[in-house]
């Protein structure tokens, strides 16, 4: 694995905020299904106001994902799809948890 070099970090609210016309902070509870190896599940989260072209900047919960990969994107107006995919060898049943998601509407 190559080491990263020439790393530049810009920190601050103004720099981030100027890139987006709208920011959506979303909190929701979700209980994904039990997933066997190589099995996935897609959930739709109703998020009023989001539109195609908005970007899911990130999401988090307090869970250990146990080899589950999670992706999310704005699927349609007012709807975000969140995909859970088991990439491990064992069946995983994640607990119900509160998730936080950040969505931005690009202003560029």
Protein backbone atom coordinates (compact mmCIF):
# COMPACT_ATOMS: atom_id res chain seq x y z
CA UNK A 1 0.00 0.00 0.00
CA UNK A 2 1.40 3.40 -0.97
CA UNK A 3 1.61 6.15 1.62
CA UNK A 4 -0.25 9.39 0.93
CA UNK A 5 1.86 12.48 0.45
CA UNK A 6 1.40 16.21 -0.22
CA UNK A 7 -1.76 16.21 1.87
CA UNK A 8 -3.59 19.50 2.13
CA UNK A 9 -6.43 19.99 4.59
CA UNK A 10 -8.73 23.00 4.58
CA UNK A 11 -10.91 23.25 7.62
CA UNK A 12 -13.75 25.67 8.18
CA UNK A 13 -17.46 26.14 7.76
CA UNK A 14 -17.27 28.94 5.21
CA UNK A 15 -15.27 26.91 2.69
CA UNK A 16 -17.66 23.98 2.86
CA UNK A 17 -20.84 26.00 3.04
CA UNK A 18 -20.02 28.07 -0.03
CA UNK A 19 -20.05 24.93 -2.18
CA UNK A 20 -23.68 24.09 -1.44
CA UNK A 21 -26.93 26.03 -1.81
CA UNK A 22 -28.73 23.77 0.68
CA UNK A 23 -27.58 21.36 3.37
CA UNK A 24 -29.91 18.68 4.78
CA UNK A 25 -29.12 17.13 8.16
CA UNK A 26 -31.23 14.00 8.49
CA UNK A 27 -31.72 11.69 11.47
CA UNK A 28 -33.71 8.46 11.23
CA UNK A 29 -34.06 5.04 12.83
CA UNK A 30 -33.54 1.97 10.66
CA UNK A 31 -33.48 -1.77 11.39
CA UNK A 32 -31.90 -3.55 8.40
CA UNK A 33 -32.78 -7.18 7.75
CA UNK A 34 -30.46 -10.04 8.67
CA UNK A 35 -28.11 -10.50 5.71
CA UNK A 36 -26.38 -13.73 4.69
CA UNK A 37 -23.01 -13.68 2.90
CA UNK A 38 -23.22 -11.80 -0.44
CA UNK A 39 -26.81 -10.69 0.24
CA UNK A 40 -27.94 -7.08 0.21
CA UNK A 41 -30.95 -4.96 1.02
CA UNK A 42 -32.02 -1.54 -0.23
CA UNK A 43 -34.09 0.79 1.96
CA UNK A 44 -35.80 4.00 0.90
CA UNK A 45 -35.73 6.92 3.33
CA UNK A 46 -38.21 9.75 2.78
CA UNK A 47 -36.29 13.03 2.95
CA UNK A 48 -38.57 15.95 2.09
CA UNK A 49 -36.90 18.55 -0.11
CA UNK A 50 -34.04 16.54 -1.61
CA UNK A 51 -33.83 16.35 -5.40
CA UNK A 52 -31.95 14.46 -8.08
CA UNK A 53 -28.45 15.90 -8.27
CA UNK A 54 -28.15 16.36 -4.51
CA UNK A 55 -25.18 14.57 -2.96
CA UNK A 56 -25.19 12.26 0.06
CA UNK A 57 -22.03 13.57 1.69
CA UNK A 58 -21.92 11.00 4.45
CA UNK A 59 -23.80 8.99 7.03
CA UNK A 60 -23.06 7.36 10.36
CA UNK A 61 -24.51 5.29 13.17
CA UNK A 62 -23.11 3.88 16.38
CA UNK A 63 -23.05 0.32 14.97
CA UNK A 64 -20.09 -1.93 14.22
CA UNK A 65 -21.01 -2.76 10.60
CA UNK A 66 -19.32 -6.21 10.75
CA UNK A 67 -18.27 -6.37 7.07
CA UNK A 68 -21.48 -4.73 5.84
CA UNK A 69 -20.86 -2.05 3.22
CA UNK A 70 -23.33 0.81 3.11
CA UNK A 71 -23.95 3.22 0.24
CA UNK A 72 -26.55 5.93 -0.17
CA UNK A 73 -27.71 8.26 -2.93
CA UNK A 74 -30.65 10.50 -3.80
CA UNK A 75 -32.88 8.21 -5.83
CA UNK A 76 -35.69 10.67 -6.65
CA UNK A 77 -37.32 13.82 -5.34
CA UNK A 78 -37.83 13.41 -1.57
CA UNK A 79 -36.20 9.94 -1.52
CA UNK A 80 -32.79 8.58 -0.57
CA UNK A 81 -31.88 4.93 -1.12
CA UNK A 82 -29.53 3.26 1.33
CA UNK A 83 -28.00 -0.10 0.38
CA UNK A 84 -26.62 -2.61 2.90
CA UNK A 85 -24.44 -5.37 1.42
CA UNK A 86 -22.86 -8.23 3.40
CA UNK A 87 -19.27 -8.71 2.24
CA UNK A 88 -18.28 -11.11 5.04
CA UNK A 89 -18.57 -14.87 5.38
CA UNK A 90 -21.08 -14.90 8.25
CA UNK A 91 -24.71 -13.83 8.44
CA UNK A 92 -25.01 -10.40 10.06
CA UNK A 93 -28.07 -8.96 11.75
CA UNK A 94 -27.47 -5.30 12.54
CA UNK A 95 -29.50 -3.88 15.39
CA UNK A 96 -32.02 -1.10 14.98
CA UNK A 97 -30.09 2.14 15.20
CA UNK A 98 -30.36 5.87 14.74
CA UNK A 99 -28.54 7.04 11.62
CA UNK A 100 -27.40 10.54 10.75
CA UNK A 101 -27.02 11.62 7.14
CA UNK A 102 -25.69 14.79 5.53
CA UNK A 103 -26.95 15.76 2.08
CA UNK A 104 -25.84 18.77 0.05
CA UNK A 105 -27.28 20.56 -2.97
CA UNK A 106 -24.30 21.67 -5.08
CA UNK A 107 -24.05 25.34 -5.84
CA UNK A 108 -21.35 24.88 -8.45
